[in-house]
Amino acid sequence: MTADPTGHRFRLQGPRSSAEIAQVGAALRALTVDGVDLVPRYADDVPTPAASGVVLVPWPNRIRDGKYTFEGTERQLAISEPAFGNASHGLLRFGSYSAAEQIDDRLVLTADVVPQTGYPFHLRTRVIFTLLADGLHVEHVIENVGAATAPVALGIHPYLQIGGVPTEDLVIHSSGTSTLVLDERKLPVDEVPVDDATDLRGGRRLGDVALDNAYRGFDRDADGRTRHTLTAPDGRRVELWQDAGFPWAQVFTTDRYPGNPVAVAIEPMTAPSNAFATGQDLIALEPGGELRREWGVSYRE
């Protein structure tokens, strides 16, 4: 029997909702509310496509040439995106998580980022998934269990949909007021106000845009959360929220997600691409220090 390349699947089940989380990358493989799939599914026998649902730690997105300097010491990470010469999507994208706790509607996965070439720091990470009647709540805890201060950033790469509705017909709303300009290696070279091509505040049909943009400058509710929505022509919507500790979100559309002419990822991030090199919003986590961040998905009819 061929093994599942995404590892063991942890299943959460409630009266109205269900979720599947993969062992590899702590990836959100499936989320269903009232029979509606909110995450695009993919075949059982393939690795996670296009970083679908994975946790990106200790950095999201890319680091130019895999090089950075932290506290006066130059470091060289492995180049995990050879086509562009970047270190991409952190060190646990293909890592195997262990279950520390699982009940019907709650799952706690753990994995360590161990000292290694280019990252001689030791992090202990937990991802806490709680199934809700209308979706999912996710909390991330990152603890520095090493002896040195560590550079840390966090991102998550969930793809969303409304089952039965072509994703190209969904309208995306997001309140970001500025976005990063990327070079040919998908690395930021400038930050500019949103314009006609990138402004999502008034809503854009996904079939009419091609996006690979990091945004910030979001509207936030009284609880500090910002909310991004995908709305179907009949008014149904799926919402991704992120707490105040995530000042950035990447919006990425692609035609390379299996079985989907258009797919969209909305990615909460604590720091933008290349933050290890630029220092922008990079967190210096002291020994014994702990970082907590939260995000979630909900469905409204």
C-alpha atoms as a PDB file:
ATOM      1  CA  MET A   1       0.000   0.000   0.000  1.00  0.00           C
ATOM      2  CA  THR A   2       1.355   3.418  -0.992  1.00  0.00           C
ATOM      3  CA  ALA A   3       1.790   5.855   1.878  1.00  0.00           C
ATOM      4  CA  ASP A   4       0.006   9.202   1.842  1.00  0.00           C
ATOM      5  CA  PRO A   5       2.720  11.772   0.952  1.00  0.00           C
ATOM      6  CA  THR A   6       1.057  14.297   3.291  1.00  0.00           C
ATOM      7  CA  GLY A   7       1.330  11.869   6.219  1.00  0.00           C
ATOM      8  CA  HIS A   8      -1.392  10.955   8.665  1.00  0.00           C
ATOM      9  CA  ARG A   9      -4.648  12.893   8.357  1.00  0.00           C
ATOM     10  CA  PHE A  10      -6.157  14.185  11.557  1.00  0.00           C
ATOM     11  CA  ARG A  11      -9.938  14.558  11.339  1.00  0.00           C
ATOM     12  CA  LEU A  12     -12.085  16.881  13.411  1.00  0.00           C
ATOM     13  CA  GLN A  13     -15.836  16.374  13.409  1.00  0.00           C
ATOM     14  CA  GLY A  14     -18.752  18.422  14.700  1.00  0.00           C
ATOM     15  CA  PRO A  15     -22.513  18.437  14.110  1.00  0.00           C
ATOM     16  CA  ARG A  16     -22.264  20.982  11.272  1.00  0.00           C
ATOM     17  CA  SER A  17     -18.596  21.114  10.348  1.00  0.00           C
ATOM     18  CA  SER A  18     -15.529  18.967   9.785  1.00  0.00           C
ATOM     19  CA  ALA A  19     -11.840  19.460   9.018  1.00  0.00           C
ATOM     20  CA  GLU A  20      -8.804  17.449   7.928  1.00  0.00           C
ATOM     21  CA  ILE A  21      -5.274  18.479   8.847  1.00  0.00           C
ATOM     22  CA  ALA A  22      -2.233  16.789   7.330  1.00  0.00           C
ATOM     23  CA  GLN A  23       0.724  15.646   9.412  1.00  0.00           C
ATOM     24  CA  VAL A  24       3.163  17.146   6.899  1.00  0.00           C
ATOM     25  CA  GLY A  25       3.314  20.909   7.284  1.00  0.00           C
ATOM     26  CA  ALA A  26       0.304  20.920   9.652  1.00  0.00           C
ATOM     27  CA  ALA A  27      -1.564  21.676   6.434  1.00  0.00           C
ATOM     28  CA  LEU A  28      -5.287  22.390   6.358  1.00  0.00           C
ATOM     29  CA  ARG A  29      -6.418  19.792   3.796  1.00  0.00           C
ATOM     30  CA  ALA A  30     -10.183  20.180   4.102  1.00  0.00           C
ATOM     31  CA  LEU A  31     -12.806  22.277   5.868  1.00  0.00           C
ATOM     32  CA  THR A  32     -16.540  21.735   5.419  1.00  0.00           C
ATOM     33  CA  VAL A  33     -19.514  23.599   6.906  1.00  0.00           C
ATOM     34  CA  ASP A  34     -23.085  22.456   6.270  1.00  0.00           C
ATOM     35  CA  GLY A  35     -21.802  20.210   3.465  1.00  0.00           C
ATOM     36  CA  VAL A  36     -19.978  23.040   1.674  1.00  0.00           C
ATOM     37  CA  ASP A  37     -16.252  22.553   1.018  1.00  0.00           C
ATOM     38  CA  LEU A  38     -14.338  25.708   1.960  1.00  0.00           C
ATOM     39  CA  VAL A  39     -10.891  24.355   1.019  1.00  0.00           C
ATOM     40  CA  PRO A  40     -10.194  22.903  -2.450  1.00  0.00           C
ATOM     41  CA  ARG A  41      -9.458  19.196  -2.216  1.00  0.00           C
ATOM     42  CA  TYR A  42      -6.677  17.347  -4.025  1.00  0.00           C
ATOM     43  CA  ALA A  43      -5.857  13.710  -4.732  1.00  0.00           C
ATOM     44  CA  ASP A  44      -4.837  11.335  -1.961  1.00  0.00           C
ATOM     45  CA  ASP A  45      -1.641  10.226  -3.683  1.00  0.00           C
ATOM     46  CA  VAL A  46       0.059  13.580  -4.347  1.00  0.00           C
ATOM     47  CA  PRO A  47       2.154  15.847  -2.106  1.00  0.00           C
ATOM     48  CA  THR A  48       0.550  19.059  -0.890  1.00  0.00           C
ATOM     49  CA  PRO A  49       0.187  21.220  -4.034  1.00  0.00           C
ATOM     50  CA  ALA A  50       1.243  24.877  -4.101  1.00  0.00           C
ATOM     51  CA  ALA A  51       1.917  24.918  -0.323  1.00  0.00           C
ATOM     52  CA  SER A  52      -1.803  24.385   0.260  1.00  0.00           C
ATOM     53  CA  GLY A  53      -2.640  25.092   3.887  1.00  0.00           C
ATOM     54  CA  VAL A  54       0.887  24.664   5.257  1.00  0.00           C
ATOM     55  CA  VAL A  55       2.440  26.527   8.189  1.00  0.00           C
ATOM     56  CA  LEU A  56       5.413  28.688   7.183  1.00  0.00           C
ATOM     57  CA  VAL A  57       7.911  29.038  10.038  1.00  0.00           C
ATOM     58  CA  PRO A  58      10.405  30.541  10.881  1.00  0.00           C
ATOM     59  CA  TRP A  59       9.709  32.720   7.854  1.00  0.00           C
ATOM     60  CA  PRO A  60       6.956  33.035   5.233  1.00  0.00           C
ATOM     61  CA  ASN A  61       7.527  33.675   1.560  1.00  0.00           C
ATOM     62  CA  ARG A  62      11.156  34.157   0.398  1.00  0.00           C
ATOM     63  CA  ILE A  63      14.661  35.203   1.415  1.00  0.00           C
ATOM     64  CA  ARG A  64      16.867  36.518  -1.390  1.00  0.00           C
ATOM     65  CA  ASP A  65      19.803  34.159  -2.038  1.00  0.00           C
ATOM     66  CA  GLY A  66      19.020  32.561   1.352  1.00  0.00           C
ATOM     67  CA  LYS A  67      21.341  35.129   2.946  1.00  0.00           C
ATOM     68  CA  TYR A  68      20.735  37.260   6.018  1.00  0.00           C
ATOM     69  CA  THR A  69      22.624  38.885   8.873  1.00  0.00           C
ATOM     70  CA  PHE A  70      21.286  38.624  12.407  1.00  0.00           C
ATOM     71  CA  GLU A  71      22.931  40.185  15.438  1.00  0.00           C
ATOM     72  CA  GLY A  72      26.088  40.802  13.431  1.00  0.00           C
ATOM     73  CA  THR A  73      26.515  37.282  12.056  1.00  0.00           C
ATOM     74  CA  GLU A  74      25.994  36.414   8.390  1.00  0.00           C
ATOM     75  CA  ARG A  75      23.999  33.252   7.693  1.00  0.00           C
ATOM     76  CA  GLN A  76      23.421  31.157   4.572  1.00  0.00           C
ATOM     77  CA  LEU A  77      20.234  29.076   4.300  1.00  0.00           C
ATOM     78  CA  ALA A  78      19.691  26.243   1.850  1.00  0.00           C
ATOM     79  CA  ILE A  79      18.212  27.370  -1.465  1.00  0.00           C
ATOM     80  CA  SER A  80      14.826  25.665  -1.555  1.00  0.00           C
ATOM     81  CA  GLU A  81      13.525  27.565  -4.603  1.00  0.00           C
ATOM     82  CA  PRO A  82      16.303  26.971  -7.166  1.00  0.00           C
ATOM     83  CA  ALA A  83      14.392  28.548 -10.059  1.00  0.00           C
ATOM     84  CA  PHE A  84      14.653  31.944  -8.356  1.00  0.00           C
ATOM     85  CA  GLY A  85      17.635  31.382  -6.068  1.00  0.00           C
ATOM     86  CA  ASN A  86      15.642  31.882  -2.864  1.00  0.00           C
ATOM     87  CA  ALA A  87      15.108  30.194   0.472  1.00  0.00           C
ATOM     88  CA  SER A  88      11.353  29.707   0.421  1.00  0.00           C
ATOM     89  CA  HIS A  89       8.509  29.117   2.879  1.00  0.00           C
ATOM     90  CA  GLY A  90      10.460  28.312   6.032  1.00  0.00           C
ATOM     91  CA  LEU A  91      11.809  25.075   7.475  1.00  0.00           C
ATOM     92  CA  LEU A  92       8.683  23.080   8.379  1.00  0.00           C
ATOM     93  CA  ARG A  93       6.828  23.133   5.063  1.00  0.00           C
ATOM     94  CA  PHE A  94       7.738  19.456   4.627  1.00  0.00           C
ATOM     95  CA  GLY A  95       8.204  18.754   8.325  1.00  0.00           C
ATOM     96  CA  SER A  96       6.279  16.035  10.128  1.00  0.00           C
ATOM     97  CA  TYR A  97       4.159  17.164  13.086  1.00  0.00           C
ATOM     98  CA  SER A  98       3.101  15.037  16.073  1.00  0.00           C
ATOM     99  CA  ALA A  99      -0.262  15.110  17.838  1.00  0.00           C
ATOM    100  CA  ALA A 100       0.011  16.250  21.441  1.00  0.00           C
ATOM    101  CA  GLU A 101      -3.760  16.258  21.937  1.00  0.00           C
ATOM    102  CA  GLN A 102      -6.821  15.278  19.917  1.00  0.00           C
ATOM    103  CA  ILE A 103     -10.505  15.182  20.758  1.00  0.00           C
ATOM    104  CA  ASP A 104     -13.535  15.491  18.486  1.00  0.00           C
ATOM    105  CA  ASP A 105     -13.237  19.224  17.844  1.00  0.00           C
ATOM    106  CA  ARG A 106      -9.687  20.080  18.957  1.00  0.00           C
ATOM    107  CA  LEU A 107      -6.245  19.101  17.730  1.00  0.00           C
ATOM    108  CA  VAL A 108      -2.807  20.198  18.951  1.00  0.00           C
ATOM    109  CA  LEU A 109       0.138  19.489  16.633  1.00  0.00           C
ATOM    110  CA  THR A 110       3.757  20.060  17.607  1.00  0.00           C
ATOM    111  CA  ALA A 111       7.060  20.235  15.752  1.00  0.00           C
ATOM    112  CA  ASP A 112      10.516  21.623  16.473  1.00  0.00           C
ATOM    113  CA  VAL A 113      12.651  23.767  14.214  1.00  0.00           C
ATOM    114  CA  VAL A 114      16.008  22.289  15.192  1.00  0.00           C
ATOM    115  CA  PRO A 115      19.391  24.018  14.758  1.00  0.00           C
ATOM    116  CA  GLN A 116      20.637  23.501  11.206  1.00  0.00           C
ATOM    117  CA  THR A 117      22.660  25.045   8.409  1.00  0.00           C
ATOM    118  CA  GLY A 118      21.837  28.736   8.201  1.00  0.00           C
ATOM    119  CA  TYR A 119      19.477  28.644  11.194  1.00  0.00           C
ATOM    120  CA  PRO A 120      21.355  27.607  14.357  1.00  0.00           C
ATOM    121  CA  PHE A 121      18.338  28.298  16.569  1.00  0.00           C
ATOM    122  CA  HIS A 122      15.874  25.985  18.300  1.00  0.00           C
ATOM    123  CA  LEU A 123      12.126  26.654  18.234  1.00  0.00           C
ATOM    124  CA  ARG A 124       9.296  24.563  19.631  1.00  0.00           C
ATOM    125  CA  THR A 125       6.058  25.137  17.770  1.00  0.00           C
ATOM    126  CA  ARG A 126       2.437  24.242  18.459  1.00  0.00           C
ATOM    127  CA  VAL A 127      -0.590  24.634  16.197  1.00  0.00           C
ATOM    128  CA  ILE A 128      -3.943  24.428  17.957  1.00  0.00           C
ATOM    129  CA  PHE A 129      -6.948  23.759  15.714  1.00  0.00           C
ATOM    130  CA  THR A 130     -10.436  24.199  17.186  1.00  0.00           C
ATOM    131  CA  LEU A 131     -13.427  23.263  15.041  1.00  0.00           C
ATOM    132  CA  LEU A 132     -16.375  25.659  15.286  1.00  0.00           C
ATOM    133  CA  ALA A 133     -19.939  25.291  14.062  1.00  0.00           C
ATOM    134  CA  ASP A 134     -19.261  27.782  11.263  1.00  0.00           C
ATOM    135  CA  GLY A 135     -15.558  27.127  10.606  1.00  0.00           C
ATOM    136  CA  LEU A 136     -12.182  26.858  12.290  1.00  0.00           C
ATOM    137  CA  HIS A 137     -10.073  28.724  14.856  1.00  0.00           C
ATOM    138  CA  VAL A 138      -6.274  28.323  14.723  1.00  0.00           C
ATOM    139  CA  GLU A 139      -3.696  29.412  17.290  1.00  0.00           C
ATOM    140  CA  HIS A 140       0.085  29.262  16.803  1.00  0.00           C
ATOM    141  CA  VAL A 141       2.548  29.157  19.677  1.00  0.00           C
ATOM    142  CA  ILE A 142       6.291  29.454  18.981  1.00  0.00           C
ATOM    143  CA  GLU A 143       8.726  29.114  21.881  1.00  0.00           C
ATOM    144  CA  ASN A 144      12.463  29.742  21.737  1.00  0.00           C
ATOM    145  CA  VAL A 145      13.939  26.752  23.589  1.00  0.00           C
ATOM    146  CA  GLY A 146      17.513  27.495  22.498  1.00  0.00           C
ATOM    147  CA  ALA A 147      20.248  29.507  24.143  1.00  0.00           C
ATOM    148  CA  ALA A 148      20.357  32.395  21.632  1.00  0.00           C
ATOM    149  CA  THR A 149      17.909  35.039  20.466  1.00  0.00           C
ATOM    150  CA  ALA A 150      16.262  33.791  17.246  1.00  0.00           C
ATOM    151  CA  PRO A 151      14.856  35.621  14.213  1.00  0.00           C
ATOM    152  CA  VAL A 152      11.230  34.551  13.774  1.00  0.00           C
ATOM    153  CA  ALA A 153       8.365  35.231  11.421  1.00  0.00           C
ATOM    154  CA  LEU A 154       5.216  33.214  10.759  1.00  0.00           C
ATOM    155  CA  GLY A 155       2.872  32.689   7.852  1.00  0.00           C
ATOM    156  CA  ILE A 156       0.079  30.330   6.851  1.00  0.00           C
ATOM    157  CA  HIS A 157      -0.879  29.400   3.288  1.00  0.00           C
ATOM    158  CA  PRO A 158      -4.589  28.403   3.195  1.00  0.00           C
ATOM    159  CA  TYR A 159      -6.524  28.178  -0.059  1.00  0.00           C
ATOM    160  CA  LEU A 160     -10.240  28.940   0.139  1.00  0.00           C
ATOM    161  CA  GLN A 161     -13.307  28.348  -1.982  1.00  0.00           C
ATOM    162  CA  ILE A 162     -17.076  27.975  -1.749  1.00  0.00           C
ATOM    163  CA  GLY A 163     -17.851  24.467  -2.953  1.00  0.00           C
ATOM    164  CA  GLY A 164     -20.036  24.333  -6.046  1.00  0.00           C
ATOM    165  CA  VAL A 165     -19.139  27.886  -7.115  1.00  0.00           C
ATOM    166  CA  PRO A 166     -16.317  28.414  -9.631  1.00  0.00           C
ATOM    167  CA  THR A 167     -13.611  30.292  -7.769  1.00  0.00           C
ATOM    168  CA  GLU A 168     -13.232  32.687 -10.694  1.00  0.00           C
ATOM    169  CA  ASP A 169     -16.802  33.872  -9.959  1.00  0.00           C
ATOM    170  CA  LEU A 170     -16.094  34.725  -6.316  1.00  0.00           C
ATOM    171  CA  VAL A 171     -15.561  38.359  -5.345  1.00  0.00           C
ATOM    172  CA  ILE A 172     -12.667  39.057  -3.004  1.00  0.00           C
ATOM    173  CA  HIS A 173     -12.773  41.936  -0.509  1.00  0.00           C
ATOM    174  CA  SER A 174      -9.720  42.955   1.482  1.00  0.00           C
ATOM    175  CA  SER A 175      -8.977  46.330   3.073  1.00  0.00           C
ATOM    176  CA  GLY A 176      -5.215  46.628   2.519  1.00  0.00           C
ATOM    177  CA  THR A 177      -4.088  50.101   1.514  1.00  0.00           C
ATOM    178  CA  SER A 178      -0.548  49.335   0.309  1.00  0.00           C
ATOM    179  CA  THR A 179       1.138  46.465  -1.489  1.00  0.00           C
ATOM    180  CA  LEU A 180       4.643  45.319  -2.345  1.00  0.00           C
ATOM    181  CA  VAL A 181       6.119  45.509  -5.834  1.00  0.00           C
ATOM    182  CA  LEU A 182       8.011  42.323  -6.763  1.00  0.00           C
ATOM    183  CA  ASP A 183      10.976  41.799  -9.044  1.00  0.00           C
ATOM    184  CA  GLU A 184      11.523  38.916 -11.456  1.00  0.00           C
ATOM    185  CA  ARG A 185      12.557  36.694  -8.518  1.00  0.00           C
ATOM    186  CA  LYS A 186       9.289  37.351  -6.646  1.00  0.00           C
ATOM    187  CA  LEU A 187      11.059  39.491  -4.061  1.00  0.00           C
ATOM    188  CA  PRO A 188       9.893  42.954  -2.927  1.00  0.00           C
ATOM    189  CA  VAL A 189      11.644  46.021  -4.252  1.00  0.00           C
ATOM    190  CA  ASP A 190       9.137  48.719  -3.243  1.00  0.00           C
ATOM    191  CA  GLU A 191       5.917  49.362  -1.318  1.00  0.00           C
ATOM    192  CA  VAL A 192       3.242  51.457  -3.013  1.00  0.00           C
ATOM    193  CA  PRO A 193      -0.384  52.449  -2.428  1.00  0.00           C
ATOM    194  CA  VAL A 194      -2.891  50.065  -3.993  1.00  0.00           C
ATOM    195  CA  ASP A 195      -4.031  51.045  -7.479  1.00  0.00           C
ATOM    196  CA  ASP A 196      -6.661  49.972 -10.005  1.00  0.00           C
ATOM    197  CA  ALA A 197      -4.909  46.637 -10.531  1.00  0.00           C
ATOM    198  CA  THR A 198      -4.399  45.741  -6.859  1.00  0.00           C
ATOM    199  CA  ASP A 199      -7.097  47.529  -4.824  1.00  0.00           C
ATOM    200  CA  LEU A 200      -9.434  44.937  -3.272  1.00  0.00           C
ATOM    201  CA  ARG A 201     -11.348  47.278  -0.972  1.00  0.00           C
ATOM    202  CA  GLY A 202     -14.322  47.579  -3.298  1.00  0.00           C
ATOM    203  CA  GLY A 203     -14.321  43.897  -4.258  1.00  0.00           C
ATOM    204  CA  ARG A 204     -12.848  42.222  -7.337  1.00  0.00           C
ATOM    205  CA  ARG A 205     -14.047  39.163  -9.225  1.00  0.00           C
ATOM    206  CA  LEU A 206     -11.212  36.650  -9.005  1.00  0.00           C
ATOM    207  CA  GLY A 207     -11.505  35.697 -12.667  1.00  0.00           C
ATOM    208  CA  ASP A 208     -10.649  39.285 -13.570  1.00  0.00           C
ATOM    209  CA  VAL A 209      -7.397  39.621 -11.614  1.00  0.00           C
ATOM    210  CA  ALA A 210      -4.002  37.926 -11.312  1.00  0.00           C
ATOM    211  CA  LEU A 211      -2.562  38.500  -7.852  1.00  0.00           C
ATOM    212  CA  ASP A 212       0.632  37.671  -5.992  1.00  0.00           C
ATOM    213  CA  ASN A 213       0.590  40.607  -3.621  1.00  0.00           C
ATOM    214  CA  ALA A 214       1.465  41.245  -0.005  1.00  0.00           C
ATOM    215  CA  TYR A 215      -0.852  43.818   1.574  1.00  0.00           C
ATOM    216  CA  ARG A 216      -0.891  45.795   4.809  1.00  0.00           C
ATOM    217  CA  GLY A 217      -2.685  48.846   6.226  1.00  0.00           C
ATOM    218  CA  PHE A 218      -5.873  46.914   6.955  1.00  0.00           C
ATOM    219  CA  ASP A 219      -9.061  48.064   8.619  1.00  0.00           C
ATOM    220  CA  ARG A 220      -9.457  46.303  11.967  1.00  0.00           C
ATOM    221  CA  ASP A 221     -12.401  45.605  14.242  1.00  0.00           C
ATOM    222  CA  ALA A 222     -12.462  46.536  17.923  1.00  0.00           C
ATOM    223  CA  ASP A 223     -10.873  43.152  18.697  1.00  0.00           C
ATOM    224  CA  GLY A 224      -7.932  43.965  16.408  1.00  0.00           C
ATOM    225  CA  ARG A 225      -8.956  41.480  13.742  1.00  0.00           C
ATOM    226  CA  THR A 226      -8.941  42.189  10.045  1.00  0.00           C
ATOM    227  CA  ARG A 227     -11.243  40.212   7.774  1.00  0.00           C
ATOM    228  CA  HIS A 228     -10.921  39.126   4.153  1.00  0.00           C
ATOM    229  CA  THR A 229     -13.964  37.706   2.369  1.00  0.00           C
ATOM    230  CA  LEU A 230     -14.844  35.705  -0.716  1.00  0.00           C
ATOM    231  CA  THR A 231     -18.468  36.197  -1.780  1.00  0.00           C
ATOM    232  CA  ALA A 232     -20.478  34.049  -4.184  1.00  0.00           C
ATOM    233  CA  PRO A 233     -22.996  35.504  -6.648  1.00  0.00           C
ATOM    234  CA  ASP A 234     -25.821  34.234  -4.404  1.00  0.00           C
ATOM    235  CA  GLY A 235     -24.462  36.121  -1.361  1.00  0.00           C
ATOM    236  CA  ARG A 236     -22.825  33.258   0.497  1.00  0.00           C
ATOM    237  CA  ARG A 237     -19.351  34.077   1.762  1.00  0.00           C
ATOM    238  CA  VAL A 238     -16.285  32.605   3.382  1.00  0.00           C
ATOM    239  CA  GLU A 239     -14.239  34.835   5.657  1.00  0.00           C
ATOM    240  CA  LEU A 240     -10.629  34.588   6.788  1.00  0.00           C
ATOM    241  CA  TRP A 241      -9.735  36.714   9.819  1.00  0.00           C
ATOM    242  CA  GLN A 242      -6.326  37.363  11.331  1.00  0.00           C
ATOM    243  CA  ASP A 243      -5.441  38.948  14.653  1.00  0.00           C
ATOM    244  CA  ALA A 244      -3.497  42.155  15.246  1.00  0.00           C
ATOM    245  CA  GLY A 245      -0.224  40.226  15.382  1.00  0.00           C
ATOM    246  CA  PHE A 246      -0.499  39.587  11.637  1.00  0.00           C
ATOM    247  CA  PRO A 247       0.050  42.997   9.985  1.00  0.00           C
ATOM    248  CA  TRP A 248       0.451  41.443   6.516  1.00  0.00           C
ATOM    249  CA  ALA A 249      -1.509  39.164   4.201  1.00  0.00           C
ATOM    250  CA  GLN A 250      -0.468  37.713   0.874  1.00  0.00           C
ATOM    251  CA  VAL A 251      -3.184  37.211  -1.748  1.00  0.00           C
ATOM    252  CA  PHE A 252      -2.151  34.705  -4.405  1.00  0.00           C
ATOM    253  CA  THR A 253      -4.135  33.445  -7.390  1.00  0.00           C
ATOM    254  CA  THR A 254      -2.987  30.539  -9.529  1.00  0.00           C
ATOM    255  CA  ASP A 255      -4.079  28.269 -12.369  1.00  0.00           C
ATOM    256  CA  ARG A 256      -1.761  25.500 -11.160  1.00  0.00           C
ATOM    257  CA  TYR A 257      -3.884  24.061  -8.350  1.00  0.00           C
ATOM    258  CA  PRO A 258      -5.007  20.548  -9.391  1.00  0.00           C
ATOM    259  CA  GLY A 259      -8.555  20.459 -10.705  1.00  0.00           C
ATOM    260  CA  ASN A 260      -9.088  24.210 -10.364  1.00  0.00           C
ATOM    261  CA  PRO A 261      -8.778  26.665 -13.263  1.00  0.00           C
ATOM    262  CA  VAL A 262      -8.439  29.394 -10.625  1.00  0.00           C
ATOM    263  CA  ALA A 263      -7.469  28.972  -6.976  1.00  0.00           C
ATOM    264  CA  VAL A 264      -6.841  31.636  -4.349  1.00  0.00           C
ATOM    265  CA  ALA A 265      -4.738  31.640  -1.202  1.00  0.00           C
ATOM    266  CA  ILE A 266      -5.156  34.297   1.508  1.00  0.00           C
ATOM    267  CA  GLU A 267      -2.070  34.093   3.722  1.00  0.00           C
ATOM    268  CA  PRO A 268      -1.739  35.801   7.122  1.00  0.00           C
ATOM    269  CA  MET A 269       1.891  36.839   7.734  1.00  0.00           C
ATOM    270  CA  THR A 270       3.706  38.483  10.624  1.00  0.00           C
ATOM    271  CA  ALA A 271       6.350  39.827   8.246  1.00  0.00           C
ATOM    272  CA  PRO A 272       6.703  40.288   4.492  1.00  0.00           C
ATOM    273  CA  SER A 273       8.916  38.472   2.051  1.00  0.00           C
ATOM    274  CA  ASN A 274      12.684  38.852   2.593  1.00  0.00           C
ATOM    275  CA  ALA A 275      12.196  40.036   6.188  1.00  0.00           C
ATOM    276  CA  PHE A 276      15.237  38.068   7.396  1.00  0.00           C
ATOM    277  CA  ALA A 277      17.380  40.225   5.106  1.00  0.00           C
ATOM    278  CA  THR A 278      15.590  43.560   5.567  1.00  0.00           C
ATOM    279  CA  GLY A 279      14.532  43.195   9.191  1.00  0.00           C
ATOM    280  CA  GLN A 280      11.052  44.521   8.377  1.00  0.00           C
ATOM    281  CA  ASP A 281       8.655  43.349  11.119  1.00  0.00           C
ATOM    282  CA  LEU A 282      11.065  40.548  11.999  1.00  0.00           C
ATOM    283  CA  ILE A 283      10.684  39.315  15.585  1.00  0.00           C
ATOM    284  CA  ALA A 284      13.775  38.754  17.737  1.00  0.00           C
ATOM    285  CA  LEU A 285      12.570  36.007  20.064  1.00  0.00           C
ATOM    286  CA  GLU A 286      14.692  35.766  23.187  1.00  0.00           C
ATOM    287  CA  PRO A 287      15.511  32.461  24.906  1.00  0.00           C
ATOM    288  CA  GLY A 288      12.434  31.332  26.794  1.00  0.00           C
ATOM    289  CA  GLY A 289      10.302  33.809  24.871  1.00  0.00           C
ATOM    290  CA  GLU A 290       6.973  32.864  23.354  1.00  0.00           C
ATOM    291  CA  LEU A 291       5.033  34.129  20.344  1.00  0.00           C
ATOM    292  CA  ARG A 292       1.257  33.619  19.959  1.00  0.00           C
ATOM    293  CA  ARG A 293      -0.853  34.435  16.928  1.00  0.00           C
ATOM    294  CA  GLU A 294      -4.420  33.538  15.886  1.00  0.00           C
ATOM    295  CA  TRP A 295      -6.482  33.354  12.709  1.00  0.00           C
ATOM    296  CA  GLY A 296      -9.575  31.554  11.510  1.00  0.00           C
ATOM    297  CA  VAL A 297     -12.105  30.785   8.803  1.00  0.00           C
ATOM    298  CA  SER A 298     -15.901  31.135   8.946  1.00  0.00           C
ATOM    299  CA  TYR A 299     -18.772  30.559   6.533  1.00  0.00           C
ATOM    300  CA  ARG A 300     -21.938  32.627   6.201  1.00  0.00           C
ATOM    301  CA  GLU A 301     -25.042  31.848   4.169  1.00  0.00           C
END
